[in-house]
C-alpha atoms as a PDB file:
ATOM      1  CA  MET A   1     -27.605  10.244  26.134  1.00  0.00           C
ATOM      2  CA  ARG A   2     -25.249   7.282  26.438  1.00  0.00           C
ATOM      3  CA  LYS A   3     -27.575   5.031  24.389  1.00  0.00           C
ATOM      4  CA  ILE A   4     -27.742   7.578  21.590  1.00  0.00           C
ATOM      5  CA  THR A   5     -23.948   7.859  21.486  1.00  0.00           C
ATOM      6  CA  ILE A   6     -23.570   4.068  21.305  1.00  0.00           C
ATOM      7  CA  ALA A   7     -26.196   3.879  18.557  1.00  0.00           C
ATOM      8  CA  ILE A   8     -24.471   6.580  16.513  1.00  0.00           C
ATOM      9  CA  LEU A   9     -21.084   4.891  16.887  1.00  0.00           C
ATOM     10  CA  ALA A  10     -22.609   1.550  15.874  1.00  0.00           C
ATOM     11  CA  LEU A  11     -24.097   3.116  12.736  1.00  0.00           C
ATOM     12  CA  ILE A  12     -20.755   4.670  11.846  1.00  0.00           C
ATOM     13  CA  VAL A  13     -18.933   1.341  12.240  1.00  0.00           C
ATOM     14  CA  ILE A  14     -21.559  -0.512  10.188  1.00  0.00           C
ATOM     15  CA  GLY A  15     -21.408   2.192   7.535  1.00  0.00           C
ATOM     16  CA  MET A  16     -17.657   1.783   7.302  1.00  0.00           C
ATOM     17  CA  LEU A  17     -17.906  -1.999   6.912  1.00  0.00           C
ATOM     18  CA  ILE A  18     -20.528  -2.066   4.151  1.00  0.00           C
ATOM     19  CA  PRO A  19     -18.196  -0.876   1.326  1.00  0.00           C
ATOM     20  CA  VAL A  20     -15.665  -3.569   2.270  1.00  0.00           C
ATOM     21  CA  GLY A  21     -18.228  -6.225   1.394  1.00  0.00           C
ATOM     22  CA  PHE A  22     -18.615  -4.818  -2.107  1.00  0.00           C
ATOM     23  CA  SER A  23     -14.896  -4.423  -2.828  1.00  0.00           C
ATOM     24  CA  ALA A  24     -14.560  -7.987  -4.166  1.00  0.00           C
ATOM     25  CA  ASP A  25     -15.993  -6.861  -7.505  1.00  0.00           C
ATOM     26  CA  SER A  26     -13.382  -7.783 -10.097  1.00  0.00           C
ATOM     27  CA  ASN A  27     -14.924  -5.923 -13.036  1.00  0.00           C
ATOM     28  CA  VAL A  28     -12.390  -3.287 -13.968  1.00  0.00           C
ATOM     29  CA  VAL A  29     -13.257  -0.591 -16.477  1.00  0.00           C
ATOM     30  CA  ILE A  30     -10.885   2.033 -17.796  1.00  0.00           C
ATOM     31  CA  THR A  31     -12.647   5.250 -18.721  1.00  0.00           C
ATOM     32  CA  TYR A  32     -11.186   7.269 -21.588  1.00  0.00           C
ATOM     33  CA  GLY A  33     -12.135  10.730 -22.694  1.00  0.00           C
ATOM     34  CA  GLU A  34     -13.272  10.955 -26.302  1.00  0.00           C
ATOM     35  CA  THR A  35     -10.190  12.947 -27.307  1.00  0.00           C
ATOM     36  CA  THR A  36      -7.810  10.504 -25.598  1.00  0.00           C
ATOM     37  CA  TYR A  37      -9.439   7.536 -27.294  1.00  0.00           C
ATOM     38  CA  ALA A  38      -9.233   9.202 -30.710  1.00  0.00           C
ATOM     39  CA  ASN A  39      -5.519  10.008 -30.305  1.00  0.00           C
ATOM     40  CA  SER A  40      -3.797   6.607 -30.597  1.00  0.00           C
ATOM     41  CA  ASN A  41      -0.386   7.902 -29.455  1.00  0.00           C
ATOM     42  CA  TYR A  42      -1.770   9.424 -26.272  1.00  0.00           C
ATOM     43  CA  LYS A  43      -4.002   6.399 -25.663  1.00  0.00           C
ATOM     44  CA  SER A  44      -0.961   4.118 -25.779  1.00  0.00           C
ATOM     45  CA  VAL A  45       0.763   6.334 -23.184  1.00  0.00           C
ATOM     46  CA  VAL A  46      -2.299   6.118 -20.929  1.00  0.00           C
ATOM     47  CA  ASP A  47      -2.491   2.333 -21.422  1.00  0.00           C
ATOM     48  CA  SER A  48       1.204   1.966 -20.579  1.00  0.00           C
ATOM     49  CA  PHE A  49       0.660   3.948 -17.399  1.00  0.00           C
ATOM     50  CA  PHE A  50      -2.241   1.686 -16.380  1.00  0.00           C
ATOM     51  CA  LYS A  51      -0.182  -1.431 -17.117  1.00  0.00           C
ATOM     52  CA  SER A  52       2.767  -0.228 -15.043  1.00  0.00           C
ATOM     53  CA  GLN A  53       0.657   0.943 -12.100  1.00  0.00           C
ATOM     54  CA  SER A  54      -1.947  -1.814 -11.841  1.00  0.00           C
ATOM     55  CA  ASN A  55      -0.420  -5.079 -13.094  1.00  0.00           C
ATOM     56  CA  LEU A  56      -3.582  -5.720 -15.110  1.00  0.00           C
ATOM     57  CA  ASP A  57      -3.871  -7.323 -18.517  1.00  0.00           C
ATOM     58  CA  LEU A  58      -5.648  -4.587 -20.463  1.00  0.00           C
ATOM     59  CA  ASN A  59      -6.925  -7.094 -23.022  1.00  0.00           C
ATOM     60  CA  ASN A  60      -9.338  -8.431 -20.362  1.00  0.00           C
ATOM     61  CA  VAL A  61     -10.336  -5.018 -19.017  1.00  0.00           C
ATOM     62  CA  GLY A  62     -13.409  -3.213 -20.238  1.00  0.00           C
ATOM     63  CA  SER A  63     -13.184   0.313 -21.562  1.00  0.00           C
ATOM     64  CA  LYS A  64     -15.691   3.106 -21.654  1.00  0.00           C
ATOM     65  CA  ILE A  65     -15.509   6.288 -23.692  1.00  0.00           C
ATOM     66  CA  ILE A  66     -17.081   9.426 -22.271  1.00  0.00           C
END
């Protein structure tokens, strides 16, 4: 019983560490809804929010329209 508990805890710890290794990905993509992207006034409000909250240069950030 003790070996099973240690094995389960080890798997949990390893599972928690795996996403940390992939967090160095610097590709940032902003996803816009189709309506938001079509409305330039609202899109500028959304872009301003992203700029103020993330300190990113939106000219170098990819965008995706869904």
